[in-house]
Amino acid sequence: MPALIASRGGKAVRMTLPAMLLLLGIAASPAVAQQHTVVIEAMQFSPQVIEVRAGDTITWKNRDPFPHTVTAQDRSFDSGEIAPDQGWTFKAARKGTFPYVCTLHPTMKGSVVVK
């Protein structure tokens, strides 16, 4: 990486761009929010456990021929019924682990891990 020249007290100082930004107190830009997908098919969530960052969005897509729900155990999110060939999107805001279930089919379980 080419060095930049900055003046400090009348003296020329060579430094890289990251060092210059650090000196100026400019942090690297925050990570861009990502979009994730969980497929509901054959009476299961795939992936069953999904790890995301705060600010990311997750879309559940129902590929089964009957409705499902995505309902957090702590009720922090609830999709309501997701019809066949439809989806529901949730934006992860709070860090933590959030187990969820399909309330129509309680053997269907998953978990969202927000880092």
PDB file of N, CA and C in Angstrom:
ATOM      1  N   MET A   1       0.861  -1.175   0.000  1.00  0.00           N
ATOM      2  CA  MET A   1       0.000   0.000   0.000  1.00  0.00           C
ATOM      3  C   MET A   1       0.904   1.233   0.000  1.00  0.00           C
ATOM      4  N   PRO A   2       0.665   2.208  -0.876  1.00  0.00           N
ATOM      5  CA  PRO A   2       1.503   3.399  -0.907  1.00  0.00           C
ATOM      6  C   PRO A   2       1.341   4.208   0.373  1.00  0.00           C
ATOM      7  N   ALA A   3       2.415   4.848   0.753  1.00  0.00           N
ATOM      8  CA  ALA A   3       2.402   5.666   1.956  1.00  0.00           C
ATOM      9  C   ALA A   3       1.963   7.085   1.607  1.00  0.00           C
ATOM     10  N   LEU A   4       1.296   7.704   2.531  1.00  0.00           N
ATOM     11  CA  LEU A   4       0.902   9.100   2.385  1.00  0.00           C
ATOM     12  C   LEU A   4       1.837   9.931   3.252  1.00  0.00           C
ATOM     13  N   ILE A   5       1.963  11.169   2.916  1.00  0.00           N
ATOM     14  CA  ILE A   5       2.815  12.040   3.721  1.00  0.00           C
ATOM     15  C   ILE A   5       1.926  13.046   4.417  1.00  0.00           C
ATOM     16  N   ALA A   6       2.089  13.118   5.731  1.00  0.00           N
ATOM     17  CA  ALA A   6       1.331  14.072   6.528  1.00  0.00           C
ATOM     18  C   ALA A   6       2.328  14.959   7.245  1.00  0.00           C
ATOM     19  N   SER A   7       1.902  16.125   7.573  1.00  0.00           N
ATOM     20  CA  SER A   7       2.763  17.050   8.285  1.00  0.00           C
ATOM     21  C   SER A   7       2.374  17.075   9.749  1.00  0.00           C
ATOM     22  N   ARG A   8       3.377  16.922  10.598  1.00  0.00           N
ATOM     23  CA  ARG A   8       3.135  16.963  12.041  1.00  0.00           C
ATOM     24  C   ARG A   8       4.198  17.847  12.665  1.00  0.00           C
ATOM     25  N   GLY A   9       3.779  18.987  13.150  1.00  0.00           N
ATOM     26  CA  GLY A   9       4.718  19.917  13.766  1.00  0.00           C
ATOM     27  C   GLY A   9       5.805  20.365  12.809  1.00  0.00           C
ATOM     28  N   GLY A  10       5.449  20.496  11.532  1.00  0.00           N
ATOM     29  CA  GLY A  10       6.414  20.938  10.549  1.00  0.00           C
ATOM     30  C   GLY A  10       7.266  19.809   9.988  1.00  0.00           C
ATOM     31  N   LYS A  11       7.112  18.596  10.504  1.00  0.00           N
ATOM     32  CA  LYS A  11       7.875  17.454  10.018  1.00  0.00           C
ATOM     33  C   LYS A  11       6.995  16.579   9.150  1.00  0.00           C
ATOM     34  N   ALA A  12       7.568  16.083   8.085  1.00  0.00           N
ATOM     35  CA  ALA A  12       6.837  15.163   7.212  1.00  0.00           C
ATOM     36  C   ALA A  12       6.865  13.773   7.839  1.00  0.00           C
ATOM     37  N   VAL A  13       5.697  13.136   7.893  1.00  0.00           N
ATOM     38  CA  VAL A  13       5.584  11.797   8.454  1.00  0.00           C
ATOM     39  C   VAL A  13       4.944  10.905   7.393  1.00  0.00           C
ATOM     40  N   ARG A  14       5.565   9.743   7.130  1.00  0.00           N
ATOM     41  CA  ARG A  14       5.006   8.795   6.164  1.00  0.00           C
ATOM     42  C   ARG A  14       4.093   7.827   6.906  1.00  0.00           C
ATOM     43  N   MET A  15       2.915   7.579   6.360  1.00  0.00           N
ATOM     44  CA  MET A  15       2.016   6.583   6.948  1.00  0.00           C
ATOM     45  C   MET A  15       1.087   6.038   5.888  1.00  0.00           C
ATOM     46  N   THR A  16       0.575   4.836   6.148  1.00  0.00           N
ATOM     47  CA  THR A  16      -0.359   4.214   5.219  1.00  0.00           C
ATOM     48  C   THR A  16      -1.737   4.843   5.402  1.00  0.00           C
ATOM     49  N   LEU A  17      -2.606   4.617   4.444  1.00  0.00           N
ATOM     50  CA  LEU A  17      -3.960   5.159   4.520  1.00  0.00           C
ATOM     51  C   LEU A  17      -4.715   4.661   5.759  1.00  0.00           C
ATOM     52  N   PRO A  18      -4.681   3.343   6.084  1.00  0.00           N
ATOM     53  CA  PRO A  18      -5.374   2.913   7.308  1.00  0.00           C
ATOM     54  C   PRO A  18      -4.843   3.612   8.559  1.00  0.00           C
ATOM     55  N   ALA A  19      -3.525   3.829   8.613  1.00  0.00           N
ATOM     56  CA  ALA A  19      -2.943   4.520   9.764  1.00  0.00           C
ATOM     57  C   ALA A  19      -3.425   5.973   9.809  1.00  0.00           C
ATOM     58  N   MET A  20      -3.526   6.598   8.644  1.00  0.00           N
ATOM     59  CA  MET A  20      -3.994   7.984   8.561  1.00  0.00           C
ATOM     60  C   MET A  20      -5.446   8.077   9.037  1.00  0.00           C
ATOM     61  N   LEU A  21      -6.285   7.140   8.589  1.00  0.00           N
ATOM     62  CA  LEU A  21      -7.684   7.148   9.004  1.00  0.00           C
ATOM     63  C   LEU A  21      -7.811   6.924  10.506  1.00  0.00           C
ATOM     64  N   LEU A  22      -6.999   6.020  11.035  1.00  0.00           N
ATOM     65  CA  LEU A  22      -7.012   5.765  12.474  1.00  0.00           C
ATOM     66  C   LEU A  22      -6.599   7.019  13.237  1.00  0.00           C
ATOM     67  N   LEU A  23      -5.567   7.695  12.764  1.00  0.00           N
ATOM     68  CA  LEU A  23      -5.103   8.924  13.398  1.00  0.00           C
ATOM     69  C   LEU A  23      -6.194   9.996  13.382  1.00  0.00           C
ATOM     70  N   LEU A  24      -6.962  10.056  12.310  1.00  0.00           N
ATOM     71  CA  LEU A  24      -8.026  11.046  12.193  1.00  0.00           C
ATOM     72  C   LEU A  24      -9.300  10.630  12.926  1.00  0.00           C
ATOM     73  N   GLY A  25      -9.312   9.401  13.447  1.00  0.00           N
ATOM     74  CA  GLY A  25     -10.485   8.930  14.182  1.00  0.00           C
ATOM     75  C   GLY A  25     -11.619   8.481  13.288  1.00  0.00           C
ATOM     76  N   ILE A  26     -11.306   8.132  12.061  1.00  0.00           N
ATOM     77  CA  ILE A  26     -12.324   7.655  11.135  1.00  0.00           C
ATOM     78  C   ILE A  26     -12.301   6.141  11.164  1.00  0.00           C
ATOM     79  N   ALA A  27     -13.366   5.553  11.640  1.00  0.00           N
ATOM     80  CA  ALA A  27     -13.449   4.095  11.720  1.00  0.00           C
ATOM     81  C   ALA A  27     -13.855   3.524  10.376  1.00  0.00           C
ATOM     82  N   ALA A  28     -13.545   2.271  10.188  1.00  0.00           N
ATOM     83  CA  ALA A  28     -13.997   1.586   8.979  1.00  0.00           C
ATOM     84  C   ALA A  28     -15.521   1.573   8.965  1.00  0.00           C
ATOM     85  N   SER A  29     -16.095   1.599   7.779  1.00  0.00           N
ATOM     86  CA  SER A  29     -17.554   1.612   7.689  1.00  0.00           C
ATOM     87  C   SER A  29     -18.126   0.316   8.259  1.00  0.00           C
ATOM     88  N   PRO A  30     -19.294   0.390   8.898  1.00  0.00           N
ATOM     89  CA  PRO A  30     -19.884  -0.815   9.473  1.00  0.00           C
ATOM     90  C   PRO A  30     -20.268  -1.805   8.376  1.00  0.00           C
ATOM     91  N   ALA A  31     -20.357  -3.068   8.769  1.00  0.00           N
ATOM     92  CA  ALA A  31     -20.711  -4.111   7.810  1.00  0.00           C
ATOM     93  C   ALA A  31     -22.092  -3.835   7.223  1.00  0.00           C
ATOM     94  N   VAL A  32     -22.230  -4.143   5.961  1.00  0.00           N
ATOM     95  CA  VAL A  32     -23.512  -3.974   5.276  1.00  0.00           C
ATOM     96  C   VAL A  32     -24.445  -5.102   5.713  1.00  0.00           C
ATOM     97  N   ALA A  33     -25.698  -4.770   5.982  1.00  0.00           N
ATOM     98  CA  ALA A  33     -26.685  -5.773   6.391  1.00  0.00           C
ATOM     99  C   ALA A  33     -26.837  -6.816   5.295  1.00  0.00           C
ATOM    100  N   GLN A  34     -26.999  -8.060   5.700  1.00  0.00           N
ATOM    101  CA  GLN A  34     -27.128  -9.183   4.786  1.00  0.00           C
ATOM    102  C   GLN A  34     -28.572  -9.694   4.770  1.00  0.00           C
ATOM    103  N   GLN A  35     -28.932 -10.353   3.697  1.00  0.00           N
ATOM    104  CA  GLN A  35     -30.240 -11.004   3.551  1.00  0.00           C
ATOM    105  C   GLN A  35     -30.012 -12.507   3.609  1.00  0.00           C
ATOM    106  N   HIS A  36     -30.755 -13.213   4.473  1.00  0.00           N
ATOM    107  CA  HIS A  36     -30.647 -14.657   4.632  1.00  0.00           C
ATOM    108  C   HIS A  36     -31.994 -15.307   4.325  1.00  0.00           C
ATOM    109  N   THR A  37     -31.953 -16.584   3.950  1.00  0.00           N
ATOM    110  CA  THR A  37     -33.183 -17.309   3.633  1.00  0.00           C
ATOM    111  C   THR A  37     -33.234 -18.627   4.391  1.00  0.00           C
ATOM    112  N   VAL A  38     -34.388 -18.921   4.954  1.00  0.00           N
ATOM    113  CA  VAL A  38     -34.672 -20.221   5.549  1.00  0.00           C
ATOM    114  C   VAL A  38     -35.820 -20.805   4.737  1.00  0.00           C
ATOM    115  N   VAL A  39     -35.627 -22.017   4.235  1.00  0.00           N
ATOM    116  CA  VAL A  39     -36.657 -22.683   3.437  1.00  0.00           C
ATOM    117  C   VAL A  39     -37.451 -23.612   4.350  1.00  0.00           C
ATOM    118  N   ILE A  40     -38.768 -23.523   4.248  1.00  0.00           N
ATOM    119  CA  ILE A  40     -39.668 -24.419   4.975  1.00  0.00           C
ATOM    120  C   ILE A  40     -40.133 -25.452   3.966  1.00  0.00           C
ATOM    121  N   GLU A  41     -39.696 -26.698   4.166  1.00  0.00           N
ATOM    122  CA  GLU A  41     -40.037 -27.749   3.214  1.00  0.00           C
ATOM    123  C   GLU A  41     -39.931 -29.104   3.907  1.00  0.00           C
ATOM    124  N   ALA A  42     -40.846 -30.009   3.563  1.00  0.00           N
ATOM    125  CA  ALA A  42     -40.865 -31.359   4.137  1.00  0.00           C
ATOM    126  C   ALA A  42     -40.958 -31.298   5.664  1.00  0.00           C
ATOM    127  N   MET A  43     -41.768 -30.354   6.144  1.00  0.00           N
ATOM    128  CA  MET A  43     -42.029 -30.213   7.584  1.00  0.00           C
ATOM    129  C   MET A  43     -40.770 -29.917   8.400  1.00  0.00           C
ATOM    130  N   GLN A  44     -39.853 -29.100   7.809  1.00  0.00           N
ATOM    131  CA  GLN A  44     -38.672 -28.693   8.557  1.00  0.00           C
ATOM    132  C   GLN A  44     -38.160 -27.342   8.066  1.00  0.00           C
ATOM    133  N   PHE A  45     -37.386 -26.693   8.920  1.00  0.00           N
ATOM    134  CA  PHE A  45     -36.741 -25.431   8.594  1.00  0.00           C
ATOM    135  C   PHE A  45     -35.322 -25.754   8.129  1.00  0.00           C
ATOM    136  N   SER A  46     -34.891 -25.161   7.022  1.00  0.00           N
ATOM    137  CA  SER A  46     -33.547 -25.413   6.522  1.00  0.00           C
ATOM    138  C   SER A  46     -32.876 -24.102   6.114  1.00  0.00           C
ATOM    139  N   PRO A  47     -31.820 -23.679   6.826  1.00  0.00           N
ATOM    140  CA  PRO A  47     -31.177 -24.392   7.922  1.00  0.00           C
ATOM    141  C   PRO A  47     -32.016 -24.308   9.199  1.00  0.00           C
ATOM    142  N   GLN A  48     -31.794 -25.279  10.070  1.00  0.00           N
ATOM    143  CA  GLN A  48     -32.540 -25.307  11.335  1.00  0.00           C
ATOM    144  C   GLN A  48     -32.036 -24.233  12.287  1.00  0.00           C
ATOM    145  N   VAL A  49     -30.737 -23.990  12.282  1.00  0.00           N
ATOM    146  CA  VAL A  49     -30.129 -22.915  13.074  1.00  0.00           C
ATOM    147  C   VAL A  49     -29.472 -21.961  12.097  1.00  0.00           C
ATOM    148  N   ILE A  50     -29.801 -20.676  12.217  1.00  0.00           N
ATOM    149  CA  ILE A  50     -29.207 -19.675  11.335  1.00  0.00           C
ATOM    150  C   ILE A  50     -28.528 -18.612  12.184  1.00  0.00           C
ATOM    151  N   GLU A  51     -27.295 -18.271  11.827  1.00  0.00           N
ATOM    152  CA  GLU A  51     -26.538 -17.227  12.523  1.00  0.00           C
ATOM    153  C   GLU A  51     -26.500 -15.989  11.643  1.00  0.00           C
ATOM    154  N   VAL A  52     -26.873 -14.855  12.239  1.00  0.00           N
ATOM    155  CA  VAL A  52     -26.909 -13.583  11.523  1.00  0.00           C
ATOM    156  C   VAL A  52     -26.316 -12.508  12.411  1.00  0.00           C
ATOM    157  N   ARG A  53     -26.149 -11.334  11.863  1.00  0.00           N
ATOM    158  CA  ARG A  53     -25.713 -10.166  12.640  1.00  0.00           C
ATOM    159  C   ARG A  53     -26.909  -9.252  12.867  1.00  0.00           C
ATOM    160  N   ALA A  54     -26.853  -8.491  13.931  1.00  0.00           N
ATOM    161  CA  ALA A  54     -27.902  -7.501  14.179  1.00  0.00           C
ATOM    162  C   ALA A  54     -27.995  -6.591  12.952  1.00  0.00           C
ATOM    163  N   GLY A  55     -29.201  -6.352  12.486  1.00  0.00           N
ATOM    164  CA  GLY A  55     -29.431  -5.539  11.294  1.00  0.00           C
ATOM    165  C   GLY A  55     -29.701  -6.362  10.042  1.00  0.00           C
ATOM    166  N   ASP A  56     -29.330  -7.644  10.070  1.00  0.00           N
ATOM    167  CA  ASP A  56     -29.594  -8.527   8.934  1.00  0.00           C
ATOM    168  C   ASP A  56     -31.084  -8.870   8.876  1.00  0.00           C
ATOM    169  N   THR A  57     -31.529  -9.278   7.705  1.00  0.00           N
ATOM    170  CA  THR A  57     -32.908  -9.743   7.555  1.00  0.00           C
ATOM    171  C   THR A  57     -32.910 -11.226   7.178  1.00  0.00           C
ATOM    172  N   ILE A  58     -33.959 -11.902   7.623  1.00  0.00           N
ATOM    173  CA  ILE A  58     -34.146 -13.317   7.333  1.00  0.00           C
ATOM    174  C   ILE A  58     -35.523 -13.467   6.699  1.00  0.00           C
ATOM    175  N   THR A  59     -35.582 -14.180   5.587  1.00  0.00           N
ATOM    176  CA  THR A  59     -36.860 -14.479   4.956  1.00  0.00           C
ATOM    177  C   THR A  59     -37.090 -15.979   5.015  1.00  0.00           C
ATOM    178  N   TRP A  60     -38.232 -16.374   5.569  1.00  0.00           N
ATOM    179  CA  TRP A  60     -38.657 -17.769   5.574  1.00  0.00           C
ATOM    180  C   TRP A  60     -39.557 -17.959   4.367  1.00  0.00           C
ATOM    181  N   LYS A  61     -39.259 -18.953   3.530  1.00  0.00           N
ATOM    182  CA  LYS A  61     -40.053 -19.245   2.330  1.00  0.00           C
ATOM    183  C   LYS A  61     -40.719 -20.597   2.511  1.00  0.00           C
ATOM    184  N   ASN A  62     -42.038 -20.613   2.434  1.00  0.00           N
ATOM    185  CA  ASN A  62     -42.803 -21.843   2.627  1.00  0.00           C
ATOM    186  C   ASN A  62     -42.954 -22.594   1.304  1.00  0.00           C
ATOM    187  N   ARG A  63     -42.284 -23.741   1.206  1.00  0.00           N
ATOM    188  CA  ARG A  63     -42.354 -24.581   0.008  1.00  0.00           C
ATOM    189  C   ARG A  63     -43.274 -25.792   0.221  1.00  0.00           C
ATOM    190  N   ASP A  64     -43.884 -25.889   1.404  1.00  0.00           N
ATOM    191  CA  ASP A  64     -44.830 -26.980   1.667  1.00  0.00           C
ATOM    192  C   ASP A  64     -46.211 -26.609   1.115  1.00  0.00           C
ATOM    193  N   PRO A  65     -47.088 -27.597   0.930  1.00  0.00           N
ATOM    194  CA  PRO A  65     -48.423 -27.324   0.383  1.00  0.00           C
ATOM    195  C   PRO A  65     -49.446 -26.900   1.437  1.00  0.00           C
ATOM    196  N   PHE A  66     -48.983 -26.548   2.626  1.00  0.00           N
ATOM    197  CA  PHE A  66     -49.876 -26.118   3.708  1.00  0.00           C
ATOM    198  C   PHE A  66     -49.179 -25.028   4.511  1.00  0.00           C
ATOM    199  N   PRO A  67     -49.912 -24.247   5.316  1.00  0.00           N
ATOM    200  CA  PRO A  67     -49.323 -23.115   6.038  1.00  0.00           C
ATOM    201  C   PRO A  67     -48.433 -23.540   7.209  1.00  0.00           C
ATOM    202  N   HIS A  68     -47.554 -22.618   7.579  1.00  0.00           N
ATOM    203  CA  HIS A  68     -46.675 -22.766   8.741  1.00  0.00           C
ATOM    204  C   HIS A  68     -46.562 -21.413   9.429  1.00  0.00           C
ATOM    205  N   THR A  69     -46.019 -21.422  10.647  1.00  0.00           N
ATOM    206  CA  THR A  69     -45.682 -20.171  11.331  1.00  0.00           C
ATOM    207  C   THR A  69     -44.215 -20.212  11.746  1.00  0.00           C
ATOM    208  N   VAL A  70     -43.692 -19.038  12.036  1.00  0.00           N
ATOM    209  CA  VAL A  70     -42.360 -18.875  12.614  1.00  0.00           C
ATOM    210  C   VAL A  70     -42.595 -18.033  13.869  1.00  0.00           C
ATOM    211  N   THR A  71     -42.632 -18.701  15.033  1.00  0.00           N
ATOM    212  CA  THR A  71     -43.005 -18.032  16.278  1.00  0.00           C
ATOM    213  C   THR A  71     -41.912 -18.227  17.317  1.00  0.00           C
ATOM    214  N   ALA A  72     -41.311 -17.119  17.755  1.00  0.00           N
ATOM    215  CA  ALA A  72     -40.247 -17.184  18.761  1.00  0.00           C
ATOM    216  C   ALA A  72     -40.798 -17.690  20.082  1.00  0.00           C
ATOM    217  N   GLN A  73     -39.997 -18.486  20.748  1.00  0.00           N
ATOM    218  CA  GLN A  73     -40.386 -19.029  22.055  1.00  0.00           C
ATOM    219  C   GLN A  73     -40.716 -17.908  23.040  1.00  0.00           C
ATOM    220  N   ASP A  74     -39.946 -16.795  22.976  1.00  0.00           N
ATOM    221  CA  ASP A  74     -40.192 -15.661  23.879  1.00  0.00           C
ATOM    222  C   ASP A  74     -41.190 -14.661  23.291  1.00  0.00           C
ATOM    223  N   ARG A  75     -41.795 -15.015  22.153  1.00  0.00           N
ATOM    224  CA  ARG A  75     -42.804 -14.195  21.455  1.00  0.00           C
ATOM    225  C   ARG A  75     -42.233 -12.873  20.923  1.00  0.00           C
ATOM    226  N   SER A  76     -40.909 -12.774  20.778  1.00  0.00           N
ATOM    227  CA  SER A  76     -40.314 -11.544  20.247  1.00  0.00           C
ATOM    228  C   SER A  76     -40.591 -11.370  18.755  1.00  0.00           C
ATOM    229  N   PHE A  77     -40.937 -12.452  18.071  1.00  0.00           N
ATOM    230  CA  PHE A  77     -41.406 -12.360  16.686  1.00  0.00           C
ATOM    231  C   PHE A  77     -42.401 -13.473  16.425  1.00  0.00           C
ATOM    232  N   ASP A  78     -43.321 -13.190  15.506  1.00  0.00           N
ATOM    233  CA  ASP A  78     -44.349 -14.163  15.131  1.00  0.00           C
ATOM    234  C   ASP A  78     -44.829 -13.821  13.727  1.00  0.00           C
ATOM    235  N   SER A  79     -44.669 -14.742  12.831  1.00  0.00           N
ATOM    236  CA  SER A  79     -45.016 -14.503  11.430  1.00  0.00           C
ATOM    237  C   SER A  79     -46.513 -14.537  11.157  1.00  0.00           C
ATOM    238  N   GLY A  80     -47.272 -15.178  12.064  1.00  0.00           N
ATOM    239  CA  GLY A  80     -48.635 -15.531  11.683  1.00  0.00           C
ATOM    240  C   GLY A  80     -48.532 -16.652  10.665  1.00  0.00           C
ATOM    241  N   GLU A  81     -49.638 -17.055  10.077  1.00  0.00           N
ATOM    242  CA  GLU A  81     -49.606 -18.148   9.111  1.00  0.00           C
ATOM    243  C   GLU A  81     -48.955 -17.701   7.802  1.00  0.00           C
ATOM    244  N   ILE A  82     -47.989 -18.477   7.356  1.00  0.00           N
ATOM    245  CA  ILE A  82     -47.338 -18.244   6.063  1.00  0.00           C
ATOM    246  C   ILE A  82     -47.939 -19.265   5.094  1.00  0.00           C
ATOM    247  N   ALA A  83     -48.670 -18.776   4.127  1.00  0.00           N
ATOM    248  CA  ALA A  83     -49.349 -19.644   3.159  1.00  0.00           C
ATOM    249  C   ALA A  83     -48.331 -20.342   2.250  1.00  0.00           C
ATOM    250  N   PRO A  84     -48.743 -21.436   1.618  1.00  0.00           N
ATOM    251  CA  PRO A  84     -47.865 -22.103   0.654  1.00  0.00           C
ATOM    252  C   PRO A  84     -47.371 -21.127  -0.416  1.00  0.00           C
ATOM    253  N   ASP A  85     -46.122 -21.270  -0.791  1.00  0.00           N
ATOM    254  CA  ASP A  85     -45.471 -20.427  -1.804  1.00  0.00           C
ATOM    255  C   ASP A  85     -45.391 -18.952  -1.412  1.00  0.00           C
ATOM    256  N   GLN A  86     -45.505 -18.670  -0.123  1.00  0.00           N
ATOM    257  CA  GLN A  86     -45.368 -17.303   0.369  1.00  0.00           C
ATOM    258  C   GLN A  86     -44.176 -17.254   1.318  1.00  0.00           C
ATOM    259  N   GLY A  87     -43.852 -16.049   1.761  1.00  0.00           N
ATOM    260  CA  GLY A  87     -42.723 -15.872   2.667  1.00  0.00           C
ATOM    261  C   GLY A  87     -43.018 -14.823   3.716  1.00  0.00           C
ATOM    262  N   TRP A  88     -42.118 -14.756   4.679  1.00  0.00           N
ATOM    263  CA  TRP A  88     -42.206 -13.755   5.742  1.00  0.00           C
ATOM    264  C   TRP A  88     -40.796 -13.311   6.066  1.00  0.00           C
ATOM    265  N   THR A  89     -40.613 -11.995   6.225  1.00  0.00           N
ATOM    266  CA  THR A  89     -39.288 -11.430   6.473  1.00  0.00           C
ATOM    267  C   THR A  89     -39.236 -10.757   7.830  1.00  0.00           C
ATOM    268  N   PHE A  90     -38.126 -10.982   8.516  1.00  0.00           N
ATOM    269  CA  PHE A  90     -37.886 -10.456   9.862  1.00  0.00           C
ATOM    270  C   PHE A  90     -36.513  -9.804   9.895  1.00  0.00           C
ATOM    271  N   LYS A  91     -36.432  -8.626  10.515  1.00  0.00           N
ATOM    272  CA  LYS A  91     -35.146  -7.943  10.684  1.00  0.00           C
ATOM    273  C   LYS A  91     -34.643  -8.191  12.099  1.00  0.00           C
ATOM    274  N   ALA A  92     -33.480  -8.802  12.204  1.00  0.00           N
ATOM    275  CA  ALA A  92     -32.880  -9.120  13.499  1.00  0.00           C
ATOM    276  C   ALA A  92     -32.273  -7.845  14.090  1.00  0.00           C
ATOM    277  N   ALA A  93     -32.765  -7.431  15.243  1.00  0.00           N
ATOM    278  CA  ALA A  93     -32.282  -6.194  15.841  1.00  0.00           C
ATOM    279  C   ALA A  93     -31.510  -6.419  17.137  1.00  0.00           C
ATOM    280  N   ARG A  94     -31.910  -7.422  17.887  1.00  0.00           N
ATOM    281  CA  ARG A  94     -31.350  -7.629  19.234  1.00  0.00           C
ATOM    282  C   ARG A  94     -30.481  -8.883  19.249  1.00  0.00           C
ATOM    283  N   LYS A  95     -29.290  -8.769  19.842  1.00  0.00           N
ATOM    284  CA  LYS A  95     -28.387  -9.917  19.939  1.00  0.00           C
ATOM    285  C   LYS A  95     -28.945 -10.955  20.892  1.00  0.00           C
ATOM    286  N   GLY A  96     -28.657 -12.216  20.582  1.00  0.00           N
ATOM    287  CA  GLY A  96     -29.089 -13.305  21.438  1.00  0.00           C
ATOM    288  C   GLY A  96     -29.452 -14.521  20.612  1.00  0.00           C
ATOM    289  N   THR A  97     -29.924 -15.558  21.295  1.00  0.00           N
ATOM    290  CA  THR A  97     -30.376 -16.778  20.647  1.00  0.00           C
ATOM    291  C   THR A  97     -31.881 -16.876  20.824  1.00  0.00           C
ATOM    292  N   PHE A  98     -32.577 -17.071  19.714  1.00  0.00           N
ATOM    293  CA  PHE A  98     -34.033 -17.054  19.716  1.00  0.00           C
ATOM    294  C   PHE A  98     -34.583 -18.353  19.126  1.00  0.00           C
ATOM    295  N   PRO A  99     -34.895 -19.331  19.977  1.00  0.00           N
ATOM    296  CA  PRO A  99     -35.532 -20.549  19.486  1.00  0.00           C
ATOM    297  C   PRO A  99     -36.932 -20.217  18.979  1.00  0.00           C
ATOM    298  N   TYR A 100     -37.349 -20.901  17.914  1.00  0.00           N
ATOM    299  CA  TYR A 100     -38.698 -20.679  17.381  1.00  0.00           C
ATOM    300  C   TYR A 100     -39.325 -22.008  16.988  1.00  0.00           C
ATOM    301  N   VAL A 101     -40.627 -21.964  16.755  1.00  0.00           N
ATOM    302  CA  VAL A 101     -41.401 -23.157  16.446  1.00  0.00           C
ATOM    303  C   VAL A 101     -42.497 -22.793  15.447  1.00  0.00           C
ATOM    304  N   CYS A 102     -42.980 -23.782  14.729  1.00  0.00           N
ATOM    305  CA  CYS A 102     -44.198 -23.618  13.952  1.00  0.00           C
ATOM    306  C   CYS A 102     -45.336 -23.986  14.903  1.00  0.00           C
ATOM    307  N   THR A 103     -46.185 -23.044  15.235  1.00  0.00           N
ATOM    308  CA  THR A 103     -47.257 -23.316  16.203  1.00  0.00           C
ATOM    309  C   THR A 103     -48.298 -24.288  15.647  1.00  0.00           C
ATOM    310  N   LEU A 104     -48.351 -24.432  14.326  1.00  0.00           N
ATOM    311  CA  LEU A 104     -49.291 -25.376  13.708  1.00  0.00           C
ATOM    312  C   LEU A 104     -48.737 -26.799  13.711  1.00  0.00           C
ATOM    313  N   HIS A 105     -47.410 -26.913  13.796  1.00  0.00           N
ATOM    314  CA  HIS A 105     -46.716 -28.210  13.765  1.00  0.00           C
ATOM    315  C   HIS A 105     -45.570 -28.136  14.782  1.00  0.00           C
ATOM    316  N   PRO A 106     -45.856 -28.310  16.077  1.00  0.00           N
ATOM    317  CA  PRO A 106     -44.886 -28.066  17.147  1.00  0.00           C
ATOM    318  C   PRO A 106     -43.609 -28.911  17.097  1.00  0.00           C
ATOM    319  N   THR A 107     -43.560 -29.942  16.247  1.00  0.00           N
ATOM    320  CA  THR A 107     -42.302 -30.706  16.125  1.00  0.00           C
ATOM    321  C   THR A 107     -41.300 -29.971  15.238  1.00  0.00           C
ATOM    322  N   MET A 108     -41.769 -28.949  14.518  1.00  0.00           N
ATOM    323  CA  MET A 108     -40.889 -28.143  13.655  1.00  0.00           C
ATOM    324  C   MET A 108     -40.269 -27.038  14.499  1.00  0.00           C
ATOM    325  N   LYS A 109     -38.943 -27.113  14.668  1.00  0.00           N
ATOM    326  CA  LYS A 109     -38.259 -26.146  15.522  1.00  0.00           C
ATOM    327  C   LYS A 109     -37.022 -25.616  14.819  1.00  0.00           C
ATOM    328  N   GLY A 110     -36.670 -24.395  15.169  1.00  0.00           N
ATOM    329  CA  GLY A 110     -35.473 -23.773  14.636  1.00  0.00           C
ATOM    330  C   GLY A 110     -34.937 -22.777  15.637  1.00  0.00           C
ATOM    331  N   SER A 111     -33.850 -22.107  15.238  1.00  0.00           N
ATOM    332  CA  SER A 111     -33.252 -21.117  16.132  1.00  0.00           C
ATOM    333  C   SER A 111     -32.540 -20.055  15.308  1.00  0.00           C
ATOM    334  N   VAL A 112     -32.700 -18.801  15.738  1.00  0.00           N
ATOM    335  CA  VAL A 112     -31.983 -17.675  15.149  1.00  0.00           C
ATOM    336  C   VAL A 112     -30.951 -17.222  16.176  1.00  0.00           C
ATOM    337  N   VAL A 113     -29.693 -17.152  15.755  1.00  0.00           N
ATOM    338  CA  VAL A 113     -28.619 -16.655  16.615  1.00  0.00           C
ATOM    339  C   VAL A 113     -28.178 -15.323  16.038  1.00  0.00           C
ATOM    340  N   VAL A 114     -28.362 -14.251  16.816  1.00  0.00           N
ATOM    341  CA  VAL A 114     -28.006 -12.901  16.354  1.00  0.00           C
ATOM    342  C   VAL A 114     -26.739 -12.482  17.088  1.00  0.00           C
ATOM    343  N   LYS A 115     -25.693 -12.225  16.335  1.00  0.00           N
ATOM    344  CA  LYS A 115     -24.386 -11.832  16.912  1.00  0.00           C
ATOM    345  C   LYS A 115     -24.156 -10.364  16.833  1.00  0.00           C
TER     346      LYS A 115
END
